[in-house]
Amino acid sequence: MESTEKVLEAIKKAGQPVSAGQIVELSGLDRKEVDKAMKKLKTAGTITSPKNCYWEAAK
């Protein structure tokens, strides 16, 4: 499973907006991997930020 898939799965599993630090804990990935994956997901419009520094899956 790619890191982007793991990050998206962690965000969906949380069921609420989560910070990058929480995604690291939920996914078990390294912070740098999470940041790279989140950048790809943001660019693709797969995740959105309902409030500053918190992320959720796009609806």
N, C-alpha and C. Protein backbone atom coordinates (compact mmCIF):
# COMPACT_ATOMS: atom_id res chain seq x y z
N MET A 1 0.86 -1.19 0.00
CA MET A 1 0.00 0.00 0.00
C MET A 1 0.90 1.25 0.00
N GLU A 2 0.58 2.18 -0.85
CA GLU A 2 1.35 3.42 -0.93
C GLU A 2 1.10 4.30 0.29
N SER A 3 2.04 5.19 0.57
CA SER A 3 1.89 6.07 1.73
C SER A 3 0.68 6.98 1.57
N THR A 4 0.36 7.40 0.33
CA THR A 4 -0.82 8.24 0.15
C THR A 4 -2.09 7.49 0.53
N GLU A 5 -2.14 6.21 0.19
CA GLU A 5 -3.31 5.39 0.56
C GLU A 5 -3.40 5.22 2.07
N LYS A 6 -2.25 5.01 2.71
CA LYS A 6 -2.24 4.84 4.17
C LYS A 6 -2.69 6.11 4.88
N VAL A 7 -2.22 7.26 4.37
CA VAL A 7 -2.61 8.54 4.96
C VAL A 7 -4.10 8.78 4.79
N LEU A 8 -4.62 8.54 3.59
CA LEU A 8 -6.05 8.74 3.34
C LEU A 8 -6.89 7.79 4.20
N GLU A 9 -6.45 6.56 4.32
CA GLU A 9 -7.15 5.59 5.16
C GLU A 9 -7.17 6.04 6.61
N ALA A 10 -6.05 6.56 7.11
CA ALA A 10 -5.98 7.04 8.50
C ALA A 10 -6.92 8.21 8.72
N ILE A 11 -6.98 9.12 7.74
CA ILE A 11 -7.87 10.28 7.85
C ILE A 11 -9.32 9.82 7.88
N LYS A 12 -9.69 8.91 6.99
CA LYS A 12 -11.07 8.41 6.95
C LYS A 12 -11.42 7.66 8.22
N LYS A 13 -10.48 6.84 8.72
CA LYS A 13 -10.72 6.04 9.91
C LYS A 13 -10.93 6.90 11.15
N ALA A 14 -10.27 8.07 11.19
CA ALA A 14 -10.40 8.97 12.34
C ALA A 14 -11.83 9.50 12.48
N GLY A 15 -12.52 9.70 11.36
CA GLY A 15 -13.90 10.15 11.41
C GLY A 15 -14.08 11.61 11.77
N GLN A 16 -13.00 12.33 11.90
CA GLN A 16 -13.05 13.75 12.21
C GLN A 16 -11.78 14.40 11.68
N PRO A 17 -11.75 15.72 11.55
CA PRO A 17 -10.53 16.37 11.06
C PRO A 17 -9.35 16.06 11.98
N VAL A 18 -8.20 15.75 11.39
CA VAL A 18 -7.01 15.39 12.16
C VAL A 18 -5.80 16.21 11.73
N SER A 19 -4.87 16.38 12.63
CA SER A 19 -3.63 17.09 12.33
C SER A 19 -2.62 16.13 11.73
N ALA A 20 -1.55 16.67 11.16
CA ALA A 20 -0.50 15.83 10.58
C ALA A 20 0.11 14.92 11.65
N GLY A 21 0.28 15.44 12.85
CA GLY A 21 0.84 14.63 13.94
C GLY A 21 -0.04 13.44 14.27
N GLN A 22 -1.34 13.65 14.25
CA GLN A 22 -2.27 12.54 14.52
C GLN A 22 -2.23 11.52 13.39
N ILE A 23 -2.05 12.00 12.16
CA ILE A 23 -1.95 11.09 11.02
C ILE A 23 -0.71 10.22 11.15
N VAL A 24 0.39 10.80 11.61
CA VAL A 24 1.62 10.03 11.84
C VAL A 24 1.35 8.90 12.82
N GLU A 25 0.66 9.21 13.93
CA GLU A 25 0.34 8.20 14.94
C GLU A 25 -0.60 7.13 14.39
N LEU A 26 -1.63 7.55 13.66
CA LEU A 26 -2.61 6.61 13.14
C LEU A 26 -2.07 5.70 12.05
N SER A 27 -1.21 6.26 11.20
CA SER A 27 -0.72 5.49 10.05
C SER A 27 0.56 4.71 10.35
N GLY A 28 1.32 5.15 11.34
CA GLY A 28 2.59 4.49 11.64
C GLY A 28 3.70 4.87 10.67
N LEU A 29 3.45 5.87 9.83
CA LEU A 29 4.45 6.31 8.86
C LEU A 29 5.34 7.40 9.47
N ASP A 30 6.49 7.62 8.84
CA ASP A 30 7.41 8.68 9.21
C ASP A 30 6.78 10.03 8.86
N ARG A 31 7.10 11.08 9.61
CA ARG A 31 6.51 12.40 9.39
C ARG A 31 6.79 12.91 7.97
N LYS A 32 8.01 12.68 7.47
CA LYS A 32 8.34 13.15 6.12
C LYS A 32 7.48 12.46 5.07
N GLU A 33 7.23 11.16 5.26
CA GLU A 33 6.37 10.42 4.32
C GLU A 33 4.96 10.97 4.36
N VAL A 34 4.47 11.25 5.57
CA VAL A 34 3.12 11.80 5.73
C VAL A 34 3.02 13.16 5.04
N ASP A 35 4.01 14.01 5.23
CA ASP A 35 3.99 15.33 4.60
C ASP A 35 3.97 15.23 3.08
N LYS A 36 4.79 14.34 2.51
CA LYS A 36 4.81 14.14 1.05
C LYS A 36 3.46 13.65 0.56
N ALA A 37 2.90 12.66 1.26
CA ALA A 37 1.62 12.09 0.85
C ALA A 37 0.51 13.13 0.94
N MET A 38 0.53 13.93 2.02
CA MET A 38 -0.50 14.95 2.19
C MET A 38 -0.40 15.99 1.08
N LYS A 39 0.82 16.33 0.66
CA LYS A 39 0.99 17.30 -0.42
C LYS A 39 0.34 16.78 -1.71
N LYS A 40 0.56 15.50 -1.99
CA LYS A 40 -0.05 14.89 -3.18
C LYS A 40 -1.58 14.88 -3.07
N LEU A 41 -2.08 14.52 -1.89
CA LEU A 41 -3.53 14.45 -1.68
C LEU A 41 -4.18 15.82 -1.75
N LYS A 42 -3.50 16.86 -1.24
CA LYS A 42 -4.02 18.22 -1.31
C LYS A 42 -4.08 18.69 -2.77
N THR A 43 -3.01 18.43 -3.52
CA THR A 43 -2.95 18.83 -4.92
C THR A 43 -4.06 18.16 -5.74
N ALA A 44 -4.33 16.90 -5.43
CA ALA A 44 -5.36 16.15 -6.15
C ALA A 44 -6.77 16.51 -5.67
N GLY A 45 -6.87 17.26 -4.57
CA GLY A 45 -8.18 17.63 -4.04
C GLY A 45 -8.85 16.50 -3.27
N THR A 46 -8.07 15.51 -2.84
CA THR A 46 -8.61 14.36 -2.13
C THR A 46 -8.86 14.66 -0.66
N ILE A 47 -8.07 15.60 -0.10
CA ILE A 47 -8.28 16.02 1.29
C ILE A 47 -8.47 17.53 1.32
N THR A 48 -9.22 17.99 2.31
CA THR A 48 -9.48 19.41 2.49
C THR A 48 -9.22 19.79 3.93
N SER A 49 -9.08 21.07 4.17
CA SER A 49 -8.82 21.57 5.51
C SER A 49 -10.00 22.39 6.01
N PRO A 50 -10.82 21.81 6.91
CA PRO A 50 -11.97 22.55 7.43
C PRO A 50 -11.55 23.65 8.41
N LYS A 51 -10.39 23.48 9.06
CA LYS A 51 -9.83 24.50 9.93
C LYS A 51 -8.31 24.40 9.86
N ASN A 52 -7.64 25.44 10.22
CA ASN A 52 -6.19 25.53 10.08
C ASN A 52 -5.45 24.33 10.66
N CYS A 53 -4.62 23.70 9.85
CA CYS A 53 -3.76 22.58 10.24
C CYS A 53 -4.50 21.29 10.54
N TYR A 54 -5.76 21.18 10.18
CA TYR A 54 -6.51 19.94 10.35
C TYR A 54 -7.05 19.50 8.99
N TRP A 55 -7.10 18.20 8.77
CA TRP A 55 -7.45 17.67 7.44
C TRP A 55 -8.52 16.61 7.54
N GLU A 56 -9.33 16.53 6.48
CA GLU A 56 -10.34 15.49 6.36
C GLU A 56 -10.46 15.11 4.89
N ALA A 57 -11.05 13.96 4.64
CA ALA A 57 -11.27 13.51 3.26
C ALA A 57 -12.29 14.44 2.60
N ALA A 58 -12.03 14.77 1.34
CA ALA A 58 -12.96 15.63 0.60
C ALA A 58 -14.28 14.92 0.41
N LYS A 59 -15.35 15.66 0.43
CA LYS A 59 -16.67 15.07 0.31
C LYS A 59 -17.08 14.97 -1.14
